[in-house]
C-alpha cells in the first residue's frame, strides 16, 4: 500500500546482553507502511519482524 496518506515507519532497536552492558550492541530494524485512513491504528510487531542491520 502506498499513495496519499501512506507513511513508512521504521522502528530501530539496539540489543546488548544484560550481563555484559559494555558489549557492542546489535541493531535491528522493522518497517511498517501505514495509512492515515486505516481503521486499525495499532501496530503490532514480533521479533521476527526485525532484521539485523550490519
PDB file of N, CA and C in Angstrom:
ATOM      1  N   UNK A   1       0.855  -1.174   0.000  1.00  0.00           N
ATOM      2  CA  UNK A   1       0.000   0.000   0.000  1.00  0.00           C
ATOM      3  C   UNK A   1       0.895   1.229   0.000  1.00  0.00           C
ATOM      4  N   UNK A   2       0.627   2.109  -0.877  1.00  0.00           N
ATOM      5  CA  UNK A   2       1.308   3.394  -0.882  1.00  0.00           C
ATOM      6  C   UNK A   2       0.379   4.392  -1.556  1.00  0.00           C
ATOM      7  N   UNK A   3       0.736   5.618  -1.478  1.00  0.00           N
ATOM      8  CA  UNK A   3      -0.096   6.654  -2.059  1.00  0.00           C
ATOM      9  C   UNK A   3      -0.400   7.720  -1.034  1.00  0.00           C
ATOM     10  N   UNK A   4      -1.394   8.524  -1.349  1.00  0.00           N
ATOM     11  CA  UNK A   4      -1.753   9.630  -0.475  1.00  0.00           C
ATOM     12  C   UNK A   4      -2.132   9.134   0.914  1.00  0.00           C
ATOM     13  N   UNK A   5      -1.535   9.713   1.919  1.00  0.00           N
ATOM     14  CA  UNK A   5      -1.824   9.361   3.305  1.00  0.00           C
ATOM     15  C   UNK A   5      -0.993   8.213   3.835  1.00  0.00           C
ATOM     16  N   UNK A   6      -0.144   7.609   2.987  1.00  0.00           N
ATOM     17  CA  UNK A   6       0.678   6.485   3.430  1.00  0.00           C
ATOM     18  C   UNK A   6       1.977   6.983   4.044  1.00  0.00           C
ATOM     19  N   UNK A   7       2.415   6.273   5.059  1.00  0.00           N
ATOM     20  CA  UNK A   7       3.649   6.631   5.764  1.00  0.00           C
ATOM     21  C   UNK A   7       4.442   5.369   6.059  1.00  0.00           C
ATOM     22  N   UNK A   8       5.733   5.405   5.767  1.00  0.00           N
ATOM     23  CA  UNK A   8       6.633   4.316   6.121  1.00  0.00           C
ATOM     24  C   UNK A   8       7.218   4.633   7.489  1.00  0.00           C
ATOM     25  N   UNK A   9       7.005   3.731   8.437  1.00  0.00           N
ATOM     26  CA  UNK A   9       7.516   3.920   9.796  1.00  0.00           C
ATOM     27  C   UNK A   9       8.592   2.871  10.028  1.00  0.00           C
ATOM     28  N   UNK A  10       9.733   3.310  10.506  1.00  0.00           N
ATOM     29  CA  UNK A  10      10.833   2.403  10.824  1.00  0.00           C
ATOM     30  C   UNK A  10      11.062   2.407  12.331  1.00  0.00           C
ATOM     31  N   UNK A  11      11.163   1.218  12.873  1.00  0.00           N
ATOM     32  CA  UNK A  11      11.442   1.029  14.291  1.00  0.00           C
ATOM     33  C   UNK A  11      12.846   0.450  14.412  1.00  0.00           C
ATOM     34  N   UNK A  12      13.675   1.065  15.245  1.00  0.00           N
ATOM     35  CA  UNK A  12      15.044   0.610  15.460  1.00  0.00           C
ATOM     36  C   UNK A  12      15.199   0.195  16.915  1.00  0.00           C
ATOM     37  N   UNK A  13      15.906  -0.916  17.129  1.00  0.00           N
ATOM     38  CA  UNK A  13      16.244  -1.330  18.491  1.00  0.00           C
ATOM     39  C   UNK A  13      17.722  -1.669  18.555  1.00  0.00           C
ATOM     40  N   UNK A  14      18.301  -1.480  19.706  1.00  0.00           N
ATOM     41  CA  UNK A  14      19.686  -1.878  19.968  1.00  0.00           C
ATOM     42  C   UNK A  14      19.649  -2.908  21.083  1.00  0.00           C
ATOM     43  N   UNK A  15      20.338  -4.016  20.875  1.00  0.00           N
ATOM     44  CA  UNK A  15      20.356  -5.090  21.864  1.00  0.00           C
ATOM     45  C   UNK A  15      21.763  -5.293  22.403  1.00  0.00           C
ATOM     46  N   UNK A  16      21.843  -5.463  23.709  1.00  0.00           N
ATOM     47  CA  UNK A  16      23.094  -5.848  24.349  1.00  0.00           C
ATOM     48  C   UNK A  16      22.742  -6.883  25.408  1.00  0.00           C
ATOM     49  N   UNK A  17      23.670  -7.780  25.717  1.00  0.00           N
ATOM     50  CA  UNK A  17      23.397  -8.764  26.767  1.00  0.00           C
ATOM     51  C   UNK A  17      23.224  -8.081  28.124  1.00  0.00           C
ATOM     52  N   UNK A  18      22.260  -8.532  28.871  1.00  0.00           N
ATOM     53  CA  UNK A  18      22.001  -7.948  30.186  1.00  0.00           C
ATOM     54  C   UNK A  18      23.207  -8.094  31.111  1.00  0.00           C
ATOM     55  N   UNK A  19      23.930  -9.217  30.956  1.00  0.00           N
ATOM     56  CA  UNK A  19      25.078  -9.453  31.836  1.00  0.00           C
ATOM     57  C   UNK A  19      26.388  -8.864  31.300  1.00  0.00           C
ATOM     58  N   UNK A  20      26.312  -8.138  30.168  1.00  0.00           N
ATOM     59  CA  UNK A  20      27.507  -7.506  29.606  1.00  0.00           C
ATOM     60  C   UNK A  20      27.126  -6.161  28.995  1.00  0.00           C
ATOM     61  N   UNK A  21      26.819  -5.172  29.820  1.00  0.00           N
ATOM     62  CA  UNK A  21      26.347  -3.882  29.298  1.00  0.00           C
ATOM     63  C   UNK A  21      27.383  -3.111  28.482  1.00  0.00           C
ATOM     64  N   UNK A  22      28.652  -3.523  28.528  1.00  0.00           N
ATOM     65  CA  UNK A  22      29.676  -2.847  27.742  1.00  0.00           C
ATOM     66  C   UNK A  22      29.879  -3.478  26.362  1.00  0.00           C
ATOM     67  N   UNK A  23      29.095  -4.486  26.038  1.00  0.00           N
ATOM     68  CA  UNK A  23      29.222  -5.159  24.740  1.00  0.00           C
ATOM     69  C   UNK A  23      28.787  -4.233  23.611  1.00  0.00           C
ATOM     70  N   UNK A  24      29.288  -4.533  22.420  1.00  0.00           N
ATOM     71  CA  UNK A  24      28.879  -3.780  21.226  1.00  0.00           C
ATOM     72  C   UNK A  24      27.429  -4.163  20.915  1.00  0.00           C
ATOM     73  N   UNK A  25      26.548  -3.193  20.775  1.00  0.00           N
ATOM     74  CA  UNK A  25      25.137  -3.520  20.544  1.00  0.00           C
ATOM     75  C   UNK A  25      24.889  -4.078  19.139  1.00  0.00           C
ATOM     76  N   UNK A  26      23.852  -4.906  19.042  1.00  0.00           N
ATOM     77  CA  UNK A  26      23.333  -5.357  17.762  1.00  0.00           C
ATOM     78  C   UNK A  26      22.135  -4.477  17.443  1.00  0.00           C
ATOM     79  N   UNK A  27      22.068  -3.989  16.224  1.00  0.00           N
ATOM     80  CA  UNK A  27      20.967  -3.120  15.825  1.00  0.00           C
ATOM     81  C   UNK A  27      20.031  -3.873  14.890  1.00  0.00           C
ATOM     82  N   UNK A  28      18.746  -3.711  15.136  1.00  0.00           N
ATOM     83  CA  UNK A  28      17.724  -4.340  14.301  1.00  0.00           C
ATOM     84  C   UNK A  28      16.706  -3.276  13.898  1.00  0.00           C
ATOM     85  N   UNK A  29      16.029  -3.542  12.749  1.00  0.00           N
ATOM     86  CA  UNK A  29      15.064  -2.577  12.232  1.00  0.00           C
ATOM     87  C   UNK A  29      13.860  -3.313  11.660  1.00  0.00           C
ATOM     88  N   UNK A  30      12.692  -2.718  11.848  1.00  0.00           N
ATOM     89  CA  UNK A  30      11.455  -3.216  11.242  1.00  0.00           C
ATOM     90  C   UNK A  30      10.782  -2.046  10.538  1.00  0.00           C
ATOM     91  N   UNK A  31      10.129  -2.333   9.413  1.00  0.00           N
ATOM     92  CA  UNK A  31       9.409  -1.305   8.663  1.00  0.00           C
ATOM     93  C   UNK A  31       7.931  -1.672   8.582  1.00  0.00           C
ATOM     94  N   UNK A  32       7.089  -0.658   8.700  1.00  0.00           N
ATOM     95  CA  UNK A  32       5.647  -0.836   8.590  1.00  0.00           C
ATOM     96  C   UNK A  32       5.092   0.312   7.761  1.00  0.00           C
ATOM     97  N   UNK A  33       4.266  -0.019   6.779  1.00  0.00           N
ATOM     98  CA  UNK A  33       3.585   1.005   5.979  1.00  0.00           C
ATOM     99  C   UNK A  33       2.182   1.165   6.562  1.00  0.00           C
ATOM    100  N   UNK A  34       1.842   2.378   6.939  1.00  0.00           N
ATOM    101  CA  UNK A  34       0.518   2.668   7.483  1.00  0.00           C
ATOM    102  C   UNK A  34      -0.095   3.812   6.696  1.00  0.00           C
ATOM    103  N   UNK A  35      -1.400   3.870   6.735  1.00  0.00           N
ATOM    104  CA  UNK A  35      -2.113   4.942   6.058  1.00  0.00           C
ATOM    105  C   UNK A  35      -3.014   5.624   7.064  1.00  0.00           C
ATOM    106  N   UNK A  36      -3.111   6.938   6.964  1.00  0.00           N
ATOM    107  CA  UNK A  36      -3.923   7.721   7.900  1.00  0.00           C
ATOM    108  C   UNK A  36      -5.373   7.273   7.873  1.00  0.00           C
ATOM    109  N   UNK A  37      -5.809   6.677   6.756  1.00  0.00           N
ATOM    110  CA  UNK A  37      -7.196   6.242   6.625  1.00  0.00           C
ATOM    111  C   UNK A  37      -7.434   4.840   7.198  1.00  0.00           C
ATOM    112  N   UNK A  38      -6.368   4.147   7.624  1.00  0.00           N
ATOM    113  CA  UNK A  38      -6.539   2.807   8.189  1.00  0.00           C
ATOM    114  C   UNK A  38      -7.441   2.859   9.410  1.00  0.00           C
ATOM    115  N   UNK A  39      -8.346   1.903   9.504  1.00  0.00           N
ATOM    116  CA  UNK A  39      -9.232   1.842  10.675  1.00  0.00           C
ATOM    117  C   UNK A  39      -8.476   1.361  11.907  1.00  0.00           C
ATOM    118  N   UNK A  40      -7.608   0.370  11.730  1.00  0.00           N
ATOM    119  CA  UNK A  40      -6.846  -0.177  12.848  1.00  0.00           C
ATOM    120  C   UNK A  40      -5.616   0.695  13.067  1.00  0.00           C
ATOM    121  N   UNK A  41      -5.540   1.372  14.171  1.00  0.00           N
ATOM    122  CA  UNK A  41      -4.432   2.288  14.465  1.00  0.00           C
ATOM    123  C   UNK A  41      -3.336   1.626  15.300  1.00  0.00           C
ATOM    124  N   UNK A  42      -3.446   0.329  15.557  1.00  0.00           N
ATOM    125  CA  UNK A  42      -2.450  -0.387  16.353  1.00  0.00           C
ATOM    126  C   UNK A  42      -1.396  -1.000  15.440  1.00  0.00           C
ATOM    127  N   UNK A  43      -0.152  -0.906  15.846  1.00  0.00           N
ATOM    128  CA  UNK A  43       0.953  -1.560  15.150  1.00  0.00           C
ATOM    129  C   UNK A  43       1.480  -2.641  16.076  1.00  0.00           C
ATOM    130  N   UNK A  44       1.468  -3.879  15.592  1.00  0.00           N
ATOM    131  CA  UNK A  44       1.954  -4.998  16.381  1.00  0.00           C
ATOM    132  C   UNK A  44       3.133  -5.618  15.653  1.00  0.00           C
ATOM    133  N   UNK A  45       4.255  -5.710  16.349  1.00  0.00           N
ATOM    134  CA  UNK A  45       5.454  -6.299  15.788  1.00  0.00           C
ATOM    135  C   UNK A  45       5.905  -7.457  16.664  1.00  0.00           C
ATOM    136  N   UNK A  46       6.541  -8.434  16.038  1.00  0.00           N
ATOM    137  CA  UNK A  46       7.130  -9.556  16.767  1.00  0.00           C
ATOM    138  C   UNK A  46       8.629  -9.535  16.506  1.00  0.00           C
ATOM    139  N   UNK A  47       9.397 -10.307  17.237  1.00  0.00           N
ATOM    140  CA  UNK A  47      10.845 -10.353  16.970  1.00  0.00           C
ATOM    141  C   UNK A  47      11.176 -10.731  15.522  1.00  0.00           C
ATOM    142  N   UNK A  48      10.317 -11.512  14.886  1.00  0.00           N
ATOM    143  CA  UNK A  48      10.565 -11.936  13.501  1.00  0.00           C
ATOM    144  C   UNK A  48      10.415 -10.785  12.500  1.00  0.00           C
ATOM    145  N   UNK A  49       9.793  -9.691  12.905  1.00  0.00           N
ATOM    146  CA  UNK A  49       9.628  -8.531  12.011  1.00  0.00           C
ATOM    147  C   UNK A  49      10.906  -7.697  11.903  1.00  0.00           C
ATOM    148  N   UNK A  50      11.838  -7.908  12.815  1.00  0.00           N
ATOM    149  CA  UNK A  50      13.058  -7.105  12.851  1.00  0.00           C
ATOM    150  C   UNK A  50      14.196  -7.830  12.127  1.00  0.00           C
ATOM    151  N   UNK A  51      14.907  -7.088  11.292  1.00  0.00           N
ATOM    152  CA  UNK A  51      16.067  -7.649  10.593  1.00  0.00           C
ATOM    153  C   UNK A  51      17.330  -7.007  11.148  1.00  0.00           C
ATOM    154  N   UNK A  52      18.383  -7.802  11.158  1.00  0.00           N
ATOM    155  CA  UNK A  52      19.674  -7.344  11.662  1.00  0.00           C
ATOM    156  C   UNK A  52      20.272  -6.329  10.711  1.00  0.00           C
ATOM    157  N   UNK A  53      20.787  -5.234  11.239  1.00  0.00           N
ATOM    158  CA  UNK A  53      21.451  -4.200  10.454  1.00  0.00           C
ATOM    159  C   UNK A  53      22.950  -4.385  10.673  1.00  0.00           C
ATOM    160  N   UNK A  54      23.683  -4.492   9.586  1.00  0.00           N
ATOM    161  CA  UNK A  54      25.131  -4.676   9.731  1.00  0.00           C
ATOM    162  C   UNK A  54      25.872  -3.546   9.108  1.00  0.00           C
TER     163      UNK A  54
END
